[in-house]
C-alpha atoms as a PDB file:
ATOM      1  CA  MET A   1     169.725  64.194 157.556  1.00  0.00           C
ATOM      2  CA  ALA A   2     167.970  64.291 154.016  1.00  0.00           C
ATOM      3  CA  ARG A   3     167.240  60.343 154.083  1.00  0.00           C
ATOM      4  CA  ILE A   4     166.140  60.814 157.729  1.00  0.00           C
ATOM      5  CA  LEU A   5     163.749  63.456 156.328  1.00  0.00           C
ATOM      6  CA  SER A   6     162.433  61.509 153.642  1.00  0.00           C
ATOM      7  CA  ILE A   7     161.330  58.451 155.596  1.00  0.00           C
ATOM      8  CA  LEU A   8     159.889  60.362 157.919  1.00  0.00           C
ATOM      9  CA  VAL A   9     157.808  61.930 155.402  1.00  0.00           C
ATOM     10  CA  GLY A  10     156.737  58.522 154.168  1.00  0.00           C
ATOM     11  CA  LEU A  11     156.528  57.129 157.603  1.00  0.00           C
ATOM     12  CA  PHE A  12     153.679  60.365 158.049  1.00  0.00           C
ATOM     13  CA  PHE A  13     151.646  59.620 154.614  1.00  0.00           C
ATOM     14  CA  THR A  14     151.571  55.851 155.484  1.00  0.00           C
ATOM     15  CA  VAL A  15     149.956  56.038 158.830  1.00  0.00           C
ATOM     16  CA  ALA A  16     147.950  58.808 157.539  1.00  0.00           C
ATOM     17  CA  LEU A  17     146.692  56.363 154.757  1.00  0.00           C
ATOM     18  CA  ALA A  18     146.248  53.900 157.025  1.00  0.00           C
ATOM     19  CA  TRP A  19     144.123  55.555 159.525  1.00  0.00           C
ATOM     20  CA  SER A  20     141.965  57.077 156.645  1.00  0.00           C
ATOM     21  CA  PHE A  21     141.546  53.617 155.529  1.00  0.00           C
ATOM     22  CA  GLY A  22     140.830  52.294 158.524  1.00  0.00           C
ATOM     23  CA  LYS A  23     138.544  55.423 159.933  1.00  0.00           C
ATOM     24  CA  GLY A  24     136.360  54.571 156.510  1.00  0.00           C
ATOM     25  CA  ALA A  25     136.029  50.732 157.064  1.00  0.00           C
ATOM     26  CA  TYR A  26     134.755  51.411 160.722  1.00  0.00           C
ATOM     27  CA  THR A  27     132.101  54.129 159.510  1.00  0.00           C
ATOM     28  CA  GLN A  28     130.771  51.922 156.777  1.00  0.00           C
ATOM     29  CA  ILE A  29     130.249  49.261 159.489  1.00  0.00           C
ATOM     30  CA  THR A  30     129.147  51.026 161.942  1.00  0.00           C
ATOM     31  CA  GLU A  31     126.778  53.655 160.349  1.00  0.00           C
ATOM     32  CA  PRO A  32     126.210  52.034 156.780  1.00  0.00           C
ATOM     33  CA  PRO A  33     124.430  54.226 154.153  1.00  0.00           C
ATOM     34  CA  ALA A  34     121.087  54.839 154.018  1.00  0.00           C
ATOM     35  CA  ALA A  35     118.411  52.733 152.039  1.00  0.00           C
ATOM     36  CA  THR A  36     117.545  53.697 148.598  1.00  0.00           C
ATOM     37  CA  ALA A  37     114.747  53.733 146.770  1.00  0.00           C
ATOM     38  CA  GLU A  38     116.852  52.727 143.537  1.00  0.00           C
ATOM     39  CA  LYS A  39     119.018  49.643 145.361  1.00  0.00           C
ATOM     40  CA  HIS A  40     116.108  48.420 146.584  1.00  0.00           C
ATOM     41  CA  PHE A  41     113.341  48.461 143.559  1.00  0.00           C
ATOM     42  CA  HIS A  42     116.182  48.485 140.747  1.00  0.00           C
ATOM     43  CA  LYS A  43     115.470  45.199 138.679  1.00  0.00           C
ATOM     44  CA  GLU A  44     118.254  43.382 136.500  1.00  0.00           C
ATOM     45  CA  PRO A  45     117.793  42.821 133.206  1.00  0.00           C
ATOM     46  CA  LYS A  46     115.674  39.628 131.533  1.00  0.00           C
ATOM     47  CA  GLU A  47     117.453  36.446 130.009  1.00  0.00           C
ATOM     48  CA  TYR A  48     117.177  37.461 126.440  1.00  0.00           C
ATOM     49  CA  ARG A  49     118.802  35.524 124.160  1.00  0.00           C
ATOM     50  CA  TYR A  50     120.101  36.083 120.953  1.00  0.00           C
ATOM     51  CA  ALA A  51     121.708  34.474 117.538  1.00  0.00           C
ATOM     52  CA  SER A  52     124.422  35.986 117.884  1.00  0.00           C
ATOM     53  CA  ASP A  53     125.518  35.239 121.617  1.00  0.00           C
ATOM     54  CA  GLY A  54     128.243  32.644 122.515  1.00  0.00           C
ATOM     55  CA  PRO A  55     131.492  31.614 120.158  1.00  0.00           C
ATOM     56  CA  PHE A  56     129.613  30.257 117.344  1.00  0.00           C
ATOM     57  CA  GLY A  57     126.794  32.861 117.248  1.00  0.00           C
ATOM     58  CA  ARG A  58     125.725  34.434 114.335  1.00  0.00           C
ATOM     59  CA  PHE A  59     123.061  36.918 113.308  1.00  0.00           C
ATOM     60  CA  ASP A  60     120.126  36.248 112.099  1.00  0.00           C
ATOM     61  CA  LYS A  61     119.750  38.964 109.393  1.00  0.00           C
ATOM     62  CA  GLN A  62     115.655  38.643 109.310  1.00  0.00           C
ATOM     63  CA  GLN A  63     115.745  39.702 112.697  1.00  0.00           C
ATOM     64  CA  LEU A  64     118.440  42.422 112.208  1.00  0.00           C
ATOM     65  CA  GLN A  65     116.375  43.753 109.146  1.00  0.00           C
ATOM     66  CA  ARG A  66     113.094  44.106 111.462  1.00  0.00           C
ATOM     67  CA  GLY A  67     115.082  45.468 114.025  1.00  0.00           C
ATOM     68  CA  PHE A  68     116.205  48.180 111.888  1.00  0.00           C
ATOM     69  CA  GLN A  69     112.628  48.371 110.622  1.00  0.00           C
ATOM     70  CA  VAL A  70     111.859  49.117 114.421  1.00  0.00           C
ATOM     71  CA  TYR A  71     114.772  52.129 114.651  1.00  0.00           C
ATOM     72  CA  LYS A  72     113.740  53.722 111.281  1.00  0.00           C
ATOM     73  CA  GLU A  73     109.975  54.215 112.206  1.00  0.00           C
ATOM     74  CA  VAL A  74     109.928  54.413 115.974  1.00  0.00           C
ATOM     75  CA  CYS A  75     113.515  55.174 117.343  1.00  0.00           C
ATOM     76  CA  SER A  76     115.411  57.662 114.708  1.00  0.00           C
ATOM     77  CA  ALA A  77     112.630  60.141 115.343  1.00  0.00           C
ATOM     78  CA  CYS A  78     114.952  60.710 118.648  1.00  0.00           C
ATOM     79  CA  HIS A  79     118.137  58.913 117.988  1.00  0.00           C
ATOM     80  CA  SER A  80     120.957  58.959 115.749  1.00  0.00           C
ATOM     81  CA  LEU A  81     122.909  56.258 114.511  1.00  0.00           C
ATOM     82  CA  SER A  82     126.301  58.384 113.700  1.00  0.00           C
ATOM     83  CA  HIS A  83     128.792  55.616 113.048  1.00  0.00           C
ATOM     84  CA  VAL A  84     126.577  53.569 110.388  1.00  0.00           C
ATOM     85  CA  ALA A  85     126.564  54.574 107.352  1.00  0.00           C
ATOM     86  CA  PHE A  86     123.759  53.513 105.192  1.00  0.00           C
ATOM     87  CA  ARG A  87     126.098  51.525 102.557  1.00  0.00           C
ATOM     88  CA  ASP A  88     126.447  49.186 106.143  1.00  0.00           C
ATOM     89  CA  LEU A  89     122.788  48.001 105.759  1.00  0.00           C
ATOM     90  CA  ALA A  90     123.871  46.112 102.521  1.00  0.00           C
ATOM     91  CA  GLN A  91     125.577  43.264 105.110  1.00  0.00           C
ATOM     92  CA  LEU A  92     121.506  42.705 106.472  1.00  0.00           C
ATOM     93  CA  GLY A  93     121.006  41.472 103.433  1.00  0.00           C
ATOM     94  CA  TYR A  94     119.741  44.448 101.542  1.00  0.00           C
ATOM     95  CA  SER A  95     120.087  45.190  97.758  1.00  0.00           C
ATOM     96  CA  GLU A  96     122.050  47.831  96.563  1.00  0.00           C
ATOM     97  CA  GLY A  97     118.721  49.398  95.345  1.00  0.00           C
ATOM     98  CA  GLN A  98     117.054  48.933  98.789  1.00  0.00           C
ATOM     99  CA  VAL A  99     119.942  50.884 100.220  1.00  0.00           C
ATOM    100  CA  LYS A 100     119.476  53.459  98.133  1.00  0.00           C
ATOM    101  CA  THR A 101     115.783  53.544  98.377  1.00  0.00           C
ATOM    102  CA  ILE A 102     116.671  53.688 102.272  1.00  0.00           C
ATOM    103  CA  ALA A 103     119.428  56.175 101.625  1.00  0.00           C
ATOM    104  CA  ALA A 104     117.031  58.627  99.640  1.00  0.00           C
ATOM    105  CA  GLY A 105     114.140  58.184 102.472  1.00  0.00           C
ATOM    106  CA  PHE A 106     116.564  60.534 104.930  1.00  0.00           C
ATOM    107  CA  GLN A 107     117.118  63.925 104.714  1.00  0.00           C
ATOM    108  CA  VAL A 108     121.159  64.685 105.450  1.00  0.00           C
ATOM    109  CA  PRO A 109     123.243  68.227 105.530  1.00  0.00           C
ATOM    110  CA  GLY A 110     124.307  68.871 102.022  1.00  0.00           C
ATOM    111  CA  ILE A 111     125.565  72.219 100.074  1.00  0.00           C
ATOM    112  CA  ASP A 112     123.839  73.899  97.614  1.00  0.00           C
ATOM    113  CA  PRO A 113     126.671  73.364  94.109  1.00  0.00           C
ATOM    114  CA  THR A 114     124.987  76.413  92.429  1.00  0.00           C
ATOM    115  CA  THR A 115     125.062  78.576  95.769  1.00  0.00           C
ATOM    116  CA  GLY A 116     127.548  77.248  98.086  1.00  0.00           C
ATOM    117  CA  GLU A 117     124.860  77.321 100.853  1.00  0.00           C
ATOM    118  CA  ALA A 118     123.869  75.049 103.487  1.00  0.00           C
ATOM    119  CA  ASN A 119     120.767  72.820 102.675  1.00  0.00           C
ATOM    120  CA  MET A 120     119.227  69.340 102.735  1.00  0.00           C
ATOM    121  CA  ARG A 121     119.392  66.685 100.555  1.00  0.00           C
ATOM    122  CA  PRO A 122     118.555  63.090 100.011  1.00  0.00           C
ATOM    123  CA  GLY A 123     120.839  61.047 101.598  1.00  0.00           C
ATOM    124  CA  VAL A 124     123.138  58.589  99.409  1.00  0.00           C
ATOM    125  CA  PRO A 125     124.726  55.247 100.487  1.00  0.00           C
ATOM    126  CA  THR A 126     128.292  56.336 101.223  1.00  0.00           C
ATOM    127  CA  ASP A 127     125.999  58.751 103.827  1.00  0.00           C
ATOM    128  CA  TYR A 128     126.044  58.347 107.839  1.00  0.00           C
ATOM    129  CA  PHE A 129     122.706  58.360 109.177  1.00  0.00           C
ATOM    130  CA  PRO A 130     121.433  61.809 110.283  1.00  0.00           C
ATOM    131  CA  LYS A 131     120.678  63.544 113.558  1.00  0.00           C
ATOM    132  CA  PRO A 132     117.377  63.744 114.156  1.00  0.00           C
ATOM    133  CA  PHE A 133     118.133  67.222 115.766  1.00  0.00           C
ATOM    134  CA  ALA A 134     119.655  70.329 114.789  1.00  0.00           C
ATOM    135  CA  ASN A 135     121.533  71.031 118.090  1.00  0.00           C
ATOM    136  CA  ASP A 136     121.811  70.016 121.077  1.00  0.00           C
ATOM    137  CA  THR A 137     119.074  72.740 122.323  1.00  0.00           C
ATOM    138  CA  ALA A 138     116.697  71.705 119.751  1.00  0.00           C
ATOM    139  CA  ALA A 139     116.976  68.176 121.486  1.00  0.00           C
ATOM    140  CA  ARG A 140     116.569  69.210 124.963  1.00  0.00           C
ATOM    141  CA  ALA A 141     113.606  71.407 123.891  1.00  0.00           C
ATOM    142  CA  ALA A 142     111.955  68.033 122.144  1.00  0.00           C
ATOM    143  CA  ASN A 143     113.057  65.858 124.921  1.00  0.00           C
ATOM    144  CA  ASN A 144     112.044  67.403 128.643  1.00  0.00           C
ATOM    145  CA  ASN A 145     115.669  69.072 128.598  1.00  0.00           C
ATOM    146  CA  ALA A 146     117.332  65.332 127.888  1.00  0.00           C
ATOM    147  CA  ILE A 147     119.495  64.652 124.953  1.00  0.00           C
ATOM    148  CA  PRO A 148     118.664  61.269 123.114  1.00  0.00           C
ATOM    149  CA  PRO A 149     121.663  59.377 123.169  1.00  0.00           C
ATOM    150  CA  ASP A 150     123.196  58.345 120.239  1.00  0.00           C
ATOM    151  CA  LEU A 151     122.568  54.508 119.584  1.00  0.00           C
ATOM    152  CA  SER A 152     125.665  53.197 117.032  1.00  0.00           C
ATOM    153  CA  LEU A 153     127.269  51.584 120.661  1.00  0.00           C
ATOM    154  CA  MET A 154     124.861  51.263 122.583  1.00  0.00           C
ATOM    155  CA  THR A 155     125.103  47.736 123.408  1.00  0.00           C
ATOM    156  CA  LYS A 156     128.731  48.180 124.380  1.00  0.00           C
ATOM    157  CA  ALA A 157     128.159  51.376 126.580  1.00  0.00           C
ATOM    158  CA  ARG A 158     125.583  50.001 128.742  1.00  0.00           C
ATOM    159  CA  GLU A 159     125.849  47.718 131.250  1.00  0.00           C
ATOM    160  CA  GLY A 160     123.368  44.525 130.175  1.00  0.00           C
ATOM    161  CA  GLY A 161     124.604  45.387 126.627  1.00  0.00           C
ATOM    162  CA  ALA A 162     121.095  44.290 124.542  1.00  0.00           C
ATOM    163  CA  PRO A 163     118.967  42.549 127.413  1.00  0.00           C
ATOM    164  CA  TYR A 164     119.026  45.482 129.294  1.00  0.00           C
ATOM    165  CA  ILE A 165     118.136  47.526 126.246  1.00  0.00           C
ATOM    166  CA  ALA A 166     115.452  45.347 125.692  1.00  0.00           C
ATOM    167  CA  SER A 167     114.375  45.243 129.066  1.00  0.00           C
ATOM    168  CA  LEU A 168     114.384  49.030 129.247  1.00  0.00           C
ATOM    169  CA  LEU A 169     111.898  48.981 126.419  1.00  0.00           C
ATOM    170  CA  THR A 170     109.597  46.547 127.814  1.00  0.00           C
ATOM    171  CA  GLY A 171     109.983  47.695 131.515  1.00  0.00           C
ATOM    172  CA  TYR A 172     107.650  50.956 131.761  1.00  0.00           C
ATOM    173  CA  THR A 173     105.232  50.306 134.706  1.00  0.00           C
ATOM    174  CA  GLU A 174     102.961  52.179 136.828  1.00  0.00           C
ATOM    175  CA  GLN A 175     104.774  53.369 139.967  1.00  0.00           C
ATOM    176  CA  GLU A 176     101.497  53.045 141.931  1.00  0.00           C
ATOM    177  CA  GLY A 177     101.222  49.359 143.658  1.00  0.00           C
ATOM    178  CA  TYR A 178     104.686  48.580 142.391  1.00  0.00           C
ATOM    179  CA  ARG A 179     106.271  46.166 144.461  1.00  0.00           C
ATOM    180  CA  ASN A 180     109.962  44.031 144.029  1.00  0.00           C
ATOM    181  CA  GLU A 181     110.583  40.806 144.166  1.00  0.00           C
ATOM    182  CA  HIS A 182     110.475  40.645 147.856  1.00  0.00           C
ATOM    183  CA  GLY A 183     106.845  42.057 147.769  1.00  0.00           C
ATOM    184  CA  GLU A 184     107.675  45.460 149.417  1.00  0.00           C
ATOM    185  CA  GLU A 185     105.668  48.410 147.880  1.00  0.00           C
ATOM    186  CA  LEU A 186     108.076  51.104 146.533  1.00  0.00           C
ATOM    187  CA  LEU A 187     105.901  54.312 148.040  1.00  0.00           C
ATOM    188  CA  LYS A 188     104.781  52.690 151.394  1.00  0.00           C
ATOM    189  CA  GLU A 189     108.806  51.980 151.791  1.00  0.00           C
ATOM    190  CA  PHE A 190     109.734  55.557 150.240  1.00  0.00           C
ATOM    191  CA  PRO A 191     107.024  58.441 149.999  1.00  0.00           C
ATOM    192  CA  ASP A 192     109.573  60.924 148.746  1.00  0.00           C
ATOM    193  CA  ALA A 193     110.221  57.899 145.264  1.00  0.00           C
ATOM    194  CA  LYS A 194     107.263  59.572 143.675  1.00  0.00           C
ATOM    195  CA  THR A 195     108.104  60.022 139.838  1.00  0.00           C
ATOM    196  CA  PRO A 196     108.330  63.442 139.174  1.00  0.00           C
ATOM    197  CA  MET A 197     106.220  65.533 136.232  1.00  0.00           C
ATOM    198  CA  GLY A 198     107.664  64.793 132.891  1.00  0.00           C
ATOM    199  CA  LEU A 199     109.750  61.533 133.864  1.00  0.00           C
ATOM    200  CA  HIS A 200     108.363  58.148 133.451  1.00  0.00           C
ATOM    201  CA  PHE A 201     108.778  55.073 136.057  1.00  0.00           C
ATOM    202  CA  ASN A 202     110.764  52.713 134.785  1.00  0.00           C
ATOM    203  CA  PRO A 203     112.969  49.927 137.246  1.00  0.00           C
ATOM    204  CA  TYR A 204     115.411  48.474 134.505  1.00  0.00           C
ATOM    205  CA  PHE A 205     116.712  52.308 134.691  1.00  0.00           C
ATOM    206  CA  ALA A 206     119.969  53.029 136.887  1.00  0.00           C
ATOM    207  CA  ASN A 207     117.519  55.610 138.887  1.00  0.00           C
ATOM    208  CA  LEU A 208     114.313  54.455 138.018  1.00  0.00           C
ATOM    209  CA  ASN A 209     112.940  57.830 136.393  1.00  0.00           C
ATOM    210  CA  LEU A 210     113.888  58.506 133.164  1.00  0.00           C
ATOM    211  CA  ALA A 211     112.701  61.257 130.424  1.00  0.00           C
ATOM    212  CA  MET A 212     112.485  58.670 127.703  1.00  0.00           C
ATOM    213  CA  ALA A 213     108.756  58.469 127.272  1.00  0.00           C
ATOM    214  CA  PRO A 214     107.383  54.673 126.266  1.00  0.00           C
ATOM    215  CA  PRO A 215     108.528  54.137 122.727  1.00  0.00           C
ATOM    216  CA  LEU A 216     106.827  51.176 122.219  1.00  0.00           C
ATOM    217  CA  SER A 217     103.594  52.270 122.877  1.00  0.00           C
ATOM    218  CA  GLY A 218     101.452  48.518 122.127  1.00  0.00           C
ATOM    219  CA  ASP A 219     101.309  45.637 119.903  1.00  0.00           C
ATOM    220  CA  GLY A 220     101.600  45.977 115.923  1.00  0.00           C
ATOM    221  CA  GLN A 221     103.093  49.499 116.062  1.00  0.00           C
ATOM    222  CA  VAL A 222     105.452  48.529 113.404  1.00  0.00           C
ATOM    223  CA  GLU A 223     104.148  46.157 110.751  1.00  0.00           C
ATOM    224  CA  TYR A 224     105.992  43.265 109.916  1.00  0.00           C
ATOM    225  CA  GLY A 225     106.017  41.889 106.141  1.00  0.00           C
ATOM    226  CA  PRO A 226     105.106  38.188 106.053  1.00  0.00           C
ATOM    227  CA  GLY A 227     106.609  35.164 107.345  1.00  0.00           C
ATOM    228  CA  ASN A 228     107.834  37.354 110.052  1.00  0.00           C
ATOM    229  CA  PRO A 229     106.619  36.751 113.798  1.00  0.00           C
ATOM    230  CA  LYS A 230     104.038  38.867 115.229  1.00  0.00           C
ATOM    231  CA  PRO A 231     105.043  42.433 116.214  1.00  0.00           C
ATOM    232  CA  THR A 232     104.504  42.176 119.693  1.00  0.00           C
ATOM    233  CA  VAL A 233     106.075  44.858 122.152  1.00  0.00           C
ATOM    234  CA  ASP A 234     108.584  41.999 123.553  1.00  0.00           C
ATOM    235  CA  GLN A 235     109.480  41.229 119.853  1.00  0.00           C
ATOM    236  CA  MET A 236     109.635  44.524 118.517  1.00  0.00           C
ATOM    237  CA  ALA A 237     112.250  45.133 121.739  1.00  0.00           C
ATOM    238  CA  GLN A 238     114.118  41.952 121.128  1.00  0.00           C
ATOM    239  CA  ASP A 239     114.382  42.695 117.250  1.00  0.00           C
ATOM    240  CA  VAL A 240     116.093  46.431 117.845  1.00  0.00           C
ATOM    241  CA  SER A 241     118.101  45.567 120.428  1.00  0.00           C
ATOM    242  CA  ALA A 242     119.755  42.559 118.592  1.00  0.00           C
ATOM    243  CA  PHE A 243     120.146  45.646 115.630  1.00  0.00           C
ATOM    244  CA  LEU A 244     121.781  47.516 117.842  1.00  0.00           C
ATOM    245  CA  ILE A 245     124.513  44.558 118.944  1.00  0.00           C
ATOM    246  CA  TRP A 246     125.183  44.771 114.922  1.00  0.00           C
ATOM    247  CA  THR A 247     125.346  48.411 115.054  1.00  0.00           C
ATOM    248  CA  ALA A 248     128.210  47.965 117.576  1.00  0.00           C
ATOM    249  CA  GLU A 249     130.118  45.062 116.208  1.00  0.00           C
ATOM    250  CA  PRO A 250     129.235  44.821 112.658  1.00  0.00           C
ATOM    251  CA  LYS A 251     131.969  42.620 112.227  1.00  0.00           C
ATOM    252  CA  LEU A 252     131.588  40.074 115.297  1.00  0.00           C
ATOM    253  CA  GLU A 253     131.199  37.412 113.115  1.00  0.00           C
ATOM    254  CA  LYS A 254     134.475  37.674 111.374  1.00  0.00           C
ATOM    255  CA  ARG A 255     136.201  38.212 114.922  1.00  0.00           C
ATOM    256  CA  LYS A 256     134.288  35.429 115.908  1.00  0.00           C
ATOM    257  CA  GLN A 257     135.839  33.030 113.121  1.00  0.00           C
ATOM    258  CA  THR A 258     139.267  34.613 113.273  1.00  0.00           C
ATOM    259  CA  GLY A 259     139.353  34.026 116.838  1.00  0.00           C
ATOM    260  CA  LEU A 260     138.322  30.157 116.535  1.00  0.00           C
ATOM    261  CA  ALA A 261     141.122  29.727 113.949  1.00  0.00           C
ATOM    262  CA  VAL A 262     143.757  31.331 116.205  1.00  0.00           C
ATOM    263  CA  ILE A 263     142.276  28.856 118.714  1.00  0.00           C
ATOM    264  CA  LEU A 264     143.034  26.179 116.552  1.00  0.00           C
ATOM    265  CA  PHE A 265     146.326  27.056 115.143  1.00  0.00           C
ATOM    266  CA  LEU A 266     147.702  27.603 118.927  1.00  0.00           C
ATOM    267  CA  PHE A 267     146.531  24.369 119.617  1.00  0.00           C
ATOM    268  CA  PHE A 268     148.321  22.532 116.502  1.00  0.00           C
ATOM    269  CA  ALA A 269     151.279  24.632 117.531  1.00  0.00           C
ATOM    270  CA  THR A 270     151.312  23.362 121.097  1.00  0.00           C
ATOM    271  CA  ALA A 271     151.375  20.031 120.039  1.00  0.00           C
ATOM    272  CA  LEU A 272     154.147  20.080 117.285  1.00  0.00           C
ATOM    273  CA  GLY A 273     155.909  22.197 120.016  1.00  0.00           C
ATOM    274  CA  TYR A 274     155.913  19.198 122.617  1.00  0.00           C
ATOM    275  CA  MET A 275     156.334  16.820 119.853  1.00  0.00           C
ATOM    276  CA  SER A 276     160.003  18.359 118.536  1.00  0.00           C
ATOM    277  CA  TYR A 277     160.711  18.524 122.453  1.00  0.00           C
ATOM    278  CA  ARG A 278     160.194  14.858 123.043  1.00  0.00           C
ATOM    279  CA  ASN A 279     162.193  14.215 120.069  1.00  0.00           C
ATOM    280  CA  VAL A 280     165.054  15.952 120.333  1.00  0.00           C
ATOM    281  CA  TRP A 281     165.139  15.367 124.303  1.00  0.00           C
ATOM    282  CA  ARG A 282     164.516  11.449 123.816  1.00  0.00           C
ATOM    283  CA  ASN A 283     168.001  10.336 123.842  1.00  0.00           C
ATOM    284  CA  GLN A 284     169.458  12.529 126.606  1.00  0.00           C
ATOM    285  CA  LYS A 285     169.706  11.219 130.266  1.00  0.00           C
ATOM    286  CA  HIS A 286     168.344  12.801 133.147  1.00  0.00           C
END
């Protein structure tokens, strides 16, 4: 009796699941979801190329230094790099003295050794990049009620990676008259899609509007040293996104080198195994 009852219960749930699936599929076909502005006017990231791309890619340290400069002078006012220590910057080609100078330019939380009270002190190479705001409340108050995300792992956390970040930084535009690739005008197709007060229109962002104002306001905002390309908005966006590839995966080059060595070893082991197989069984009749 118990077996029959369990079979009936299982059959009931199977039928209910099949019915729910069929009903959902029928509804999707007969009543497709309403068109949205996000679906019609969202843009895919631009096709940027980086020196670290591909199985043999390596970091362009000069570009990473430019990207760090953009982060330091522009992005660090709102965004943290909580997983990066100042001493890690030596991997970008900075000397020990330069790393100490960079660290000392940041104020980090510390403890007064004489009183035991919390204070702020100049950073040292072993410190990690400090948060720009004391807490989330202060961050929201300064950023239209939005908390700026930490950028340490941003190229891993966002679909599209570095090209998405570079596209976002260069994608701010006027909503009035904005058209998609089919020539459709946003506000004519969706009159209610007007960007709310305090937000900024950017077709590369998922819902087209974000709280962050354009951080790169114009060419030359960051002054590069001699021998570097002109600091256009597009160049600065590419440089800082390349820098964020490194912050998300500083051991990228070593991982690729290890992977290549492993693949070569596997090819060698496979060939050796095949030759051993032929040698062992060469005199055996089938």
